[in-house]
Amino acid sequence: MIDFNPKEITYENIDRFFIKASIFKFIQSNKNVFKGKFLDVGCGEKPYESLILSNHNVISYTGIDLIGGQEYKKGVKPDFLWDGITFPFDDSVYGSAMATEVLEHCPDPLVSLSEIYRILKASSPLLLTVPFIWPTHETPYDFYRYTPFGLRHLLVKAGFEDIEITCLGGWDASLAQVLGLWLKRRKMSRANQKRLFLIVKPVIQYLLKKDRILEESSEQNLITSIGVVAWKK
């Protein structure tokens, strides 16, 4: 079972620790902007539902996921499915929305962002996260990796304003993430993995402690992933 809010690095989560922790922290630090009817785009098994509903300005939570996106646990499934193009909702229905780690799976991201814009009410926020350093996944439906500049370009074209982009991890976190991924996902024996874990874990801990996140516009910036809050005015 994946922990979407891990507190410490373990042998089981060393490949996912930082990206999951940084996404949870980003959502938690921005959850107060959410309000009204909330739509979680690419919700999967709805790991953030309780976090979102802890904001009392949110009156309902709805999850929608891509058709064929993944298998779901028994008793846990999206409220709606969509084809990555058109949502089954009327215009201006939702008061806030979130799309975490899903835009890379949308074949036409501008269409998907424009659909989110369409179903949001005026003065409503969208919270978005996308990976930058991450292996190919959910193949063959892994289409893109985004820079901050590419994301801003797409969001502006979709109609969003007041776009605030946050790099969720810098050079040191990027190296830490790659080390964790290498340890768990490169083919090697479990015995070797466990031996290397004892060496790699303190290195990762040191790198994450020393990590310094640069501004979105910095030249020669290496980042783990990106978080965005943008508004439909």
C-alpha atoms as a PDB file:
ATOM      1  CA  MET A   1       0.000   0.000   0.000  1.00  0.00           C
ATOM      2  CA  ILE A   2       1.392   3.411  -0.994  1.00  0.00           C
ATOM      3  CA  ASP A   3       1.691   5.989   1.785  1.00  0.00           C
ATOM      4  CA  PHE A   4       0.797   9.390   0.338  1.00  0.00           C
ATOM      5  CA  ASN A   5       2.106  11.198   3.432  1.00  0.00           C
ATOM      6  CA  PRO A   6       5.280   9.331   4.457  1.00  0.00           C
ATOM      7  CA  LYS A   7       7.058  10.571   7.583  1.00  0.00           C
ATOM      8  CA  GLU A   8      10.356   8.707   7.223  1.00  0.00           C
ATOM      9  CA  ILE A   9      12.428   6.913   4.610  1.00  0.00           C
ATOM     10  CA  THR A  10      12.093   3.140   4.689  1.00  0.00           C
ATOM     11  CA  TYR A  11      13.305   0.319   2.482  1.00  0.00           C
ATOM     12  CA  GLU A  12       9.790   0.042   1.045  1.00  0.00           C
ATOM     13  CA  ASN A  13       9.275   3.743   0.189  1.00  0.00           C
ATOM     14  CA  ILE A  14      12.767   5.021  -0.602  1.00  0.00           C
ATOM     15  CA  ASP A  15      11.895   5.411  -4.299  1.00  0.00           C
ATOM     16  CA  ARG A  16       8.665   7.343  -3.620  1.00  0.00           C
ATOM     17  CA  PHE A  17       9.406   9.057  -0.319  1.00  0.00           C
ATOM     18  CA  PHE A  18      10.292  12.562  -1.473  1.00  0.00           C
ATOM     19  CA  ILE A  19       7.787  12.956  -4.281  1.00  0.00           C
ATOM     20  CA  LYS A  20       4.884  11.740  -2.136  1.00  0.00           C
ATOM     21  CA  ALA A  21       5.933  13.844   0.864  1.00  0.00           C
ATOM     22  CA  SER A  22       6.446  16.984  -1.255  1.00  0.00           C
ATOM     23  CA  ILE A  23       3.076  16.643  -3.034  1.00  0.00           C
ATOM     24  CA  PHE A  24       1.238  16.132   0.277  1.00  0.00           C
ATOM     25  CA  LYS A  25       3.000  19.130   1.790  1.00  0.00           C
ATOM     26  CA  PHE A  26       2.145  21.295  -1.235  1.00  0.00           C
ATOM     27  CA  ILE A  27      -1.544  20.352  -1.110  1.00  0.00           C
ATOM     28  CA  GLN A  28      -1.679  20.822   2.649  1.00  0.00           C
ATOM     29  CA  SER A  29      -0.065  24.254   2.481  1.00  0.00           C
ATOM     30  CA  ASN A  30      -2.557  25.417  -0.172  1.00  0.00           C
ATOM     31  CA  LYS A  31      -5.758  23.619   0.861  1.00  0.00           C
ATOM     32  CA  ASN A  32      -7.257  26.792   2.320  1.00  0.00           C
ATOM     33  CA  VAL A  33      -7.813  28.184  -1.192  1.00  0.00           C
ATOM     34  CA  PHE A  34     -10.289  25.376  -1.917  1.00  0.00           C
ATOM     35  CA  LYS A  35     -13.997  26.065  -1.581  1.00  0.00           C
ATOM     36  CA  GLY A  36     -17.455  24.937  -2.651  1.00  0.00           C
ATOM     37  CA  LYS A  37     -17.826  21.806  -4.749  1.00  0.00           C
ATOM     38  CA  PHE A  38     -14.364  20.311  -5.265  1.00  0.00           C
ATOM     39  CA  LEU A  39     -13.222  18.213  -8.252  1.00  0.00           C
ATOM     40  CA  ASP A  40     -10.166  15.943  -8.017  1.00  0.00           C
ATOM     41  CA  VAL A  41      -8.992  15.330 -11.595  1.00  0.00           C
ATOM     42  CA  GLY A  42      -7.037  12.083 -11.916  1.00  0.00           C
ATOM     43  CA  CYS A  43      -8.134  11.088  -8.433  1.00  0.00           C
ATOM     44  CA  GLY A  44      -7.024   7.452  -8.542  1.00  0.00           C
ATOM     45  CA  GLU A  45      -8.051   5.891  -5.229  1.00  0.00           C
ATOM     46  CA  LYS A  46      -8.767   9.321  -3.714  1.00  0.00           C
ATOM     47  CA  PRO A  47      -5.795   9.451  -1.303  1.00  0.00           C
ATOM     48  CA  TYR A  48      -6.292  13.156  -0.586  1.00  0.00           C
ATOM     49  CA  GLU A  49     -10.067  13.140  -0.023  1.00  0.00           C
ATOM     50  CA  SER A  50      -9.907  13.437   3.771  1.00  0.00           C
ATOM     51  CA  LEU A  51      -7.271  16.189   3.550  1.00  0.00           C
ATOM     52  CA  ILE A  52      -9.454  18.204   1.162  1.00  0.00           C
ATOM     53  CA  LEU A  53     -12.596  17.735   3.233  1.00  0.00           C
ATOM     54  CA  SER A  54     -10.773  18.902   6.371  1.00  0.00           C
ATOM     55  CA  ASN A  55     -11.206  22.386   4.847  1.00  0.00           C
ATOM     56  CA  HIS A  56     -14.713  23.322   5.968  1.00  0.00           C
ATOM     57  CA  ASN A  57     -15.112  25.698   3.023  1.00  0.00           C
ATOM     58  CA  VAL A  58     -15.299  22.606   0.785  1.00  0.00           C
ATOM     59  CA  ILE A  59     -18.895  21.373   0.668  1.00  0.00           C
ATOM     60  CA  SER A  60     -18.395  18.227  -1.442  1.00  0.00           C
ATOM     61  CA  TYR A  61     -15.621  16.127  -3.002  1.00  0.00           C
ATOM     62  CA  THR A  62     -15.891  14.474  -6.436  1.00  0.00           C
ATOM     63  CA  GLY A  63     -13.193  12.343  -8.029  1.00  0.00           C
ATOM     64  CA  ILE A  64     -12.763  11.759 -11.763  1.00  0.00           C
ATOM     65  CA  ASP A  65     -10.103   9.602 -13.396  1.00  0.00           C
ATOM     66  CA  LEU A  66      -8.897   8.726 -16.864  1.00  0.00           C
ATOM     67  CA  ILE A  67     -10.504   5.701 -18.485  1.00  0.00           C
ATOM     68  CA  GLY A  68      -8.097   2.777 -18.227  1.00  0.00           C
ATOM     69  CA  GLY A  69      -5.846   4.673 -15.838  1.00  0.00           C
ATOM     70  CA  GLN A  70      -5.341   1.949 -13.233  1.00  0.00           C
ATOM     71  CA  GLU A  71      -6.871  -0.850 -11.210  1.00  0.00           C
ATOM     72  CA  TYR A  72      -8.649   0.211  -8.026  1.00  0.00           C
ATOM     73  CA  LYS A  73      -8.930  -1.381  -4.619  1.00  0.00           C
ATOM     74  CA  LYS A  74     -12.184  -3.121  -3.824  1.00  0.00           C
ATOM     75  CA  GLY A  75     -14.691  -0.533  -2.633  1.00  0.00           C
ATOM     76  CA  VAL A  76     -12.618   2.426  -3.873  1.00  0.00           C
ATOM     77  CA  LYS A  77     -13.258   3.882  -7.301  1.00  0.00           C
ATOM     78  CA  PRO A  78     -13.680   7.292  -8.979  1.00  0.00           C
ATOM     79  CA  ASP A  79     -17.089   8.911  -9.044  1.00  0.00           C
ATOM     80  CA  PHE A  80     -16.670   9.540 -12.785  1.00  0.00           C
ATOM     81  CA  LEU A  81     -14.366   8.451 -15.616  1.00  0.00           C
ATOM     82  CA  TRP A  82     -13.313  10.589 -18.568  1.00  0.00           C
ATOM     83  CA  ASP A  83     -11.482  10.133 -21.842  1.00  0.00           C
ATOM     84  CA  GLY A  84      -8.869  12.843 -21.275  1.00  0.00           C
ATOM     85  CA  ILE A  85     -10.813  15.202 -23.526  1.00  0.00           C
ATOM     86  CA  THR A  86     -14.325  16.111 -22.344  1.00  0.00           C
ATOM     87  CA  PHE A  87     -15.647  16.140 -18.770  1.00  0.00           C
ATOM     88  CA  PRO A  88     -19.245  14.936 -18.220  1.00  0.00           C
ATOM     89  CA  PHE A  89     -20.125  18.199 -16.446  1.00  0.00           C
ATOM     90  CA  ASP A  90     -21.853  21.475 -17.286  1.00  0.00           C
ATOM     91  CA  ASP A  91     -20.015  24.802 -17.379  1.00  0.00           C
ATOM     92  CA  SER A  92     -19.107  26.620 -14.153  1.00  0.00           C
ATOM     93  CA  VAL A  93     -20.124  23.853 -11.734  1.00  0.00           C
ATOM     94  CA  TYR A  94     -17.150  23.532  -9.372  1.00  0.00           C
ATOM     95  CA  GLY A  95     -15.694  26.014  -6.905  1.00  0.00           C
ATOM     96  CA  SER A  96     -12.190  24.498  -6.903  1.00  0.00           C
ATOM     97  CA  ALA A  97     -10.217  21.711  -8.552  1.00  0.00           C
ATOM     98  CA  MET A  98      -6.991  19.755  -8.253  1.00  0.00           C
ATOM     99  CA  ALA A  99      -5.000  17.641 -10.709  1.00  0.00           C
ATOM    100  CA  THR A 100      -1.999  15.880  -9.163  1.00  0.00           C
ATOM    101  CA  GLU A 101       0.369  13.861 -11.365  1.00  0.00           C
ATOM    102  CA  VAL A 102      -2.153  13.459 -14.178  1.00  0.00           C
ATOM    103  CA  LEU A 103      -1.365  16.061 -16.841  1.00  0.00           C
ATOM    104  CA  GLU A 104       1.556  13.974 -18.143  1.00  0.00           C
ATOM    105  CA  HIS A 105      -1.017  11.287 -19.025  1.00  0.00           C
ATOM    106  CA  CYS A 106      -3.347  13.584 -20.983  1.00  0.00           C
ATOM    107  CA  PRO A 107      -2.787  13.231 -24.745  1.00  0.00           C
ATOM    108  CA  ASP A 108      -3.753  16.876 -25.330  1.00  0.00           C
ATOM    109  CA  PRO A 109      -2.933  18.794 -22.125  1.00  0.00           C
ATOM    110  CA  LEU A 110      -4.262  22.115 -23.413  1.00  0.00           C
ATOM    111  CA  VAL A 111      -7.650  20.505 -24.045  1.00  0.00           C
ATOM    112  CA  SER A 112      -7.634  19.001 -20.540  1.00  0.00           C
ATOM    113  CA  LEU A 113      -6.722  22.315 -18.899  1.00  0.00           C
ATOM    114  CA  SER A 114      -9.349  24.117 -20.970  1.00  0.00           C
ATOM    115  CA  GLU A 115     -11.942  21.595 -19.771  1.00  0.00           C
ATOM    116  CA  ILE A 116     -10.962  22.217 -16.151  1.00  0.00           C
ATOM    117  CA  TYR A 117     -11.262  25.949 -16.816  1.00  0.00           C
ATOM    118  CA  ARG A 118     -14.708  25.430 -18.354  1.00  0.00           C
ATOM    119  CA  ILE A 119     -16.194  23.556 -15.400  1.00  0.00           C
ATOM    120  CA  LEU A 120     -14.806  25.965 -12.773  1.00  0.00           C
ATOM    121  CA  LYS A 121     -16.841  28.900 -11.531  1.00  0.00           C
ATOM    122  CA  ALA A 122     -15.422  32.430 -11.688  1.00  0.00           C
ATOM    123  CA  SER A 123     -12.847  33.225  -8.969  1.00  0.00           C
ATOM    124  CA  SER A 124     -11.994  29.538  -8.535  1.00  0.00           C
ATOM    125  CA  PRO A 125      -8.555  27.928  -8.058  1.00  0.00           C
ATOM    126  CA  LEU A 126      -6.845  24.976  -9.696  1.00  0.00           C
ATOM    127  CA  LEU A 127      -4.019  23.206  -7.855  1.00  0.00           C
ATOM    128  CA  LEU A 128      -1.779  21.206 -10.161  1.00  0.00           C
ATOM    129  CA  THR A 129       1.330  19.043  -9.731  1.00  0.00           C
ATOM    130  CA  VAL A 130       3.442  17.326 -12.390  1.00  0.00           C
ATOM    131  CA  PRO A 131       6.645  15.273 -12.209  1.00  0.00           C
ATOM    132  CA  PHE A 132       9.899  16.369 -13.804  1.00  0.00           C
ATOM    133  CA  ILE A 133      12.344  13.649 -12.717  1.00  0.00           C
ATOM    134  CA  TRP A 134      10.387  10.392 -12.766  1.00  0.00           C
ATOM    135  CA  PRO A 135      10.546   7.126 -14.725  1.00  0.00           C
ATOM    136  CA  THR A 136       8.078   6.355 -17.464  1.00  0.00           C
ATOM    137  CA  HIS A 137       4.939   4.925 -15.897  1.00  0.00           C
ATOM    138  CA  GLU A 138       1.423   3.738 -16.777  1.00  0.00           C
ATOM    139  CA  THR A 139       2.836   3.017 -20.219  1.00  0.00           C
ATOM    140  CA  PRO A 140       1.958   3.632 -22.967  1.00  0.00           C
ATOM    141  CA  TYR A 141      -0.040   6.533 -21.480  1.00  0.00           C
ATOM    142  CA  ASP A 142       2.898   8.609 -20.240  1.00  0.00           C
ATOM    143  CA  PHE A 143       3.204  11.422 -22.760  1.00  0.00           C
ATOM    144  CA  TYR A 144       4.979  14.472 -21.301  1.00  0.00           C
ATOM    145  CA  ARG A 145       7.362  16.064 -18.809  1.00  0.00           C
ATOM    146  CA  TYR A 146       6.882  19.806 -18.209  1.00  0.00           C
ATOM    147  CA  THR A 147       9.155  22.709 -17.403  1.00  0.00           C
ATOM    148  CA  PRO A 148       7.741  25.611 -15.381  1.00  0.00           C
ATOM    149  CA  PHE A 149       7.755  27.680 -18.567  1.00  0.00           C
ATOM    150  CA  GLY A 150       5.798  25.109 -20.554  1.00  0.00           C
ATOM    151  CA  LEU A 151       3.221  24.788 -17.793  1.00  0.00           C
ATOM    152  CA  ARG A 152       2.732  28.532 -17.553  1.00  0.00           C
ATOM    153  CA  HIS A 153       2.337  28.734 -21.336  1.00  0.00           C
ATOM    154  CA  LEU A 154      -0.388  26.065 -21.324  1.00  0.00           C
ATOM    155  CA  LEU A 155      -2.236  27.542 -18.343  1.00  0.00           C
ATOM    156  CA  VAL A 156      -2.300  31.013 -19.895  1.00  0.00           C
ATOM    157  CA  LYS A 157      -3.589  29.605 -23.194  1.00  0.00           C
ATOM    158  CA  ALA A 158      -6.324  27.773 -21.272  1.00  0.00           C
ATOM    159  CA  GLY A 159      -7.395  31.083 -19.699  1.00  0.00           C
ATOM    160  CA  PHE A 160      -5.944  30.873 -16.174  1.00  0.00           C
ATOM    161  CA  GLU A 161      -4.529  33.915 -14.386  1.00  0.00           C
ATOM    162  CA  ASP A 162      -2.541  34.692 -11.219  1.00  0.00           C
ATOM    163  CA  ILE A 163      -0.418  31.611 -11.866  1.00  0.00           C
ATOM    164  CA  GLU A 164       1.955  30.791  -9.001  1.00  0.00           C
ATOM    165  CA  ILE A 165       4.506  28.099  -9.825  1.00  0.00           C
ATOM    166  CA  THR A 166       6.567  26.335  -7.153  1.00  0.00           C
ATOM    167  CA  CYS A 167       9.522  24.013  -7.767  1.00  0.00           C
ATOM    168  CA  LEU A 168       9.047  21.257  -5.185  1.00  0.00           C
ATOM    169  CA  GLY A 169      12.659  20.079  -5.004  1.00  0.00           C
ATOM    170  CA  GLY A 170      16.012  21.396  -6.235  1.00  0.00           C
ATOM    171  CA  TRP A 171      19.375  19.918  -7.238  1.00  0.00           C
ATOM    172  CA  ASP A 172      20.014  17.973  -4.038  1.00  0.00           C
ATOM    173  CA  ALA A 173      16.470  16.579  -3.830  1.00  0.00           C
ATOM    174  CA  SER A 174      16.722  15.596  -7.497  1.00  0.00           C
ATOM    175  CA  LEU A 175      19.839  13.533  -6.808  1.00  0.00           C
ATOM    176  CA  ALA A 176      18.197  12.031  -3.710  1.00  0.00           C
ATOM    177  CA  GLN A 177      15.151  11.041  -5.749  1.00  0.00           C
ATOM    178  CA  VAL A 178      17.237   9.432  -8.485  1.00  0.00           C
ATOM    179  CA  LEU A 179      19.248   7.468  -5.897  1.00  0.00           C
ATOM    180  CA  GLY A 180      16.047   6.143  -4.344  1.00  0.00           C
ATOM    181  CA  LEU A 181      14.606   5.208  -7.716  1.00  0.00           C
ATOM    182  CA  TRP A 182      17.857   3.534  -8.750  1.00  0.00           C
ATOM    183  CA  LEU A 183      17.962   1.478  -5.571  1.00  0.00           C
ATOM    184  CA  LYS A 184      14.402   0.144  -5.811  1.00  0.00           C
ATOM    185  CA  ARG A 185      13.727   0.037  -9.545  1.00  0.00           C
ATOM    186  CA  ARG A 186      17.008  -0.954 -11.186  1.00  0.00           C
ATOM    187  CA  LYS A 187      17.036  -4.724 -11.506  1.00  0.00           C
ATOM    188  CA  MET A 188      19.181  -6.226  -8.747  1.00  0.00           C
ATOM    189  CA  SER A 189      18.745  -8.832  -6.070  1.00  0.00           C
ATOM    190  CA  ARG A 190      16.721  -7.983  -2.982  1.00  0.00           C
ATOM    191  CA  ALA A 191      19.775  -8.868  -0.880  1.00  0.00           C
ATOM    192  CA  ASN A 192      21.875  -6.264  -2.714  1.00  0.00           C
ATOM    193  CA  GLN A 193      19.071  -3.733  -2.430  1.00  0.00           C
ATOM    194  CA  LYS A 194      18.966  -4.185   1.332  1.00  0.00           C
ATOM    195  CA  ARG A 195      22.742  -3.866   1.660  1.00  0.00           C
ATOM    196  CA  LEU A 196      22.784  -0.721  -0.473  1.00  0.00           C
ATOM    197  CA  PHE A 197      19.825   0.722   1.418  1.00  0.00           C
ATOM    198  CA  LEU A 198      22.015   1.043   4.527  1.00  0.00           C
ATOM    199  CA  ILE A 199      24.494   3.127   2.493  1.00  0.00           C
ATOM    200  CA  VAL A 200      22.068   5.126   0.362  1.00  0.00           C
ATOM    201  CA  LYS A 201      19.527   6.111   3.041  1.00  0.00           C
ATOM    202  CA  PRO A 202      21.853   8.440   5.017  1.00  0.00           C
ATOM    203  CA  VAL A 203      23.057  10.017   1.762  1.00  0.00           C
ATOM    204  CA  ILE A 204      19.468  10.743   0.745  1.00  0.00           C
ATOM    205  CA  GLN A 205      18.689  12.138   4.194  1.00  0.00           C
ATOM    206  CA  TYR A 206      21.715  14.441   3.946  1.00  0.00           C
ATOM    207  CA  LEU A 207      20.776  15.629   0.444  1.00  0.00           C
ATOM    208  CA  LEU A 208      17.181  16.378   1.436  1.00  0.00           C
ATOM    209  CA  LYS A 209      18.365  18.311   4.473  1.00  0.00           C
ATOM    210  CA  LYS A 210      20.694  20.422   2.305  1.00  0.00           C
ATOM    211  CA  ASP A 211      18.281  20.928  -0.593  1.00  0.00           C
ATOM    212  CA  ARG A 212      17.710  24.493  -1.746  1.00  0.00           C
ATOM    213  CA  ILE A 213      14.835  25.227  -4.091  1.00  0.00           C
ATOM    214  CA  LEU A 214      15.521  27.850  -6.742  1.00  0.00           C
ATOM    215  CA  GLU A 215      13.023  30.254  -8.256  1.00  0.00           C
ATOM    216  CA  GLU A 216      10.910  29.174 -11.209  1.00  0.00           C
ATOM    217  CA  SER A 217      12.830  31.446 -13.602  1.00  0.00           C
ATOM    218  CA  SER A 218      16.320  30.300 -12.557  1.00  0.00           C
ATOM    219  CA  GLU A 219      18.676  29.242 -15.336  1.00  0.00           C
ATOM    220  CA  GLN A 220      20.248  25.767 -15.121  1.00  0.00           C
ATOM    221  CA  ASN A 221      17.739  24.593 -12.528  1.00  0.00           C
ATOM    222  CA  LEU A 222      17.128  20.912 -11.834  1.00  0.00           C
ATOM    223  CA  ILE A 223      13.838  20.086 -10.160  1.00  0.00           C
ATOM    224  CA  THR A 224      12.025  16.997  -8.917  1.00  0.00           C
ATOM    225  CA  SER A 225       8.486  18.158  -9.679  1.00  0.00           C
ATOM    226  CA  ILE A 226       6.326  21.262  -9.985  1.00  0.00           C
ATOM    227  CA  GLY A 227       3.356  22.593  -8.051  1.00  0.00           C
ATOM    228  CA  VAL A 228       0.976  25.258  -9.371  1.00  0.00           C
ATOM    229  CA  VAL A 229      -1.930  27.271  -8.079  1.00  0.00           C
ATOM    230  CA  ALA A 230      -3.799  29.130 -10.846  1.00  0.00           C
ATOM    231  CA  TRP A 231      -7.140  30.935 -10.942  1.00  0.00           C
ATOM    232  CA  LYS A 232     -10.114  31.289 -13.209  1.00  0.00           C
ATOM    233  CA  LYS A 233     -11.033  34.954 -12.796  1.00  0.00           C
END
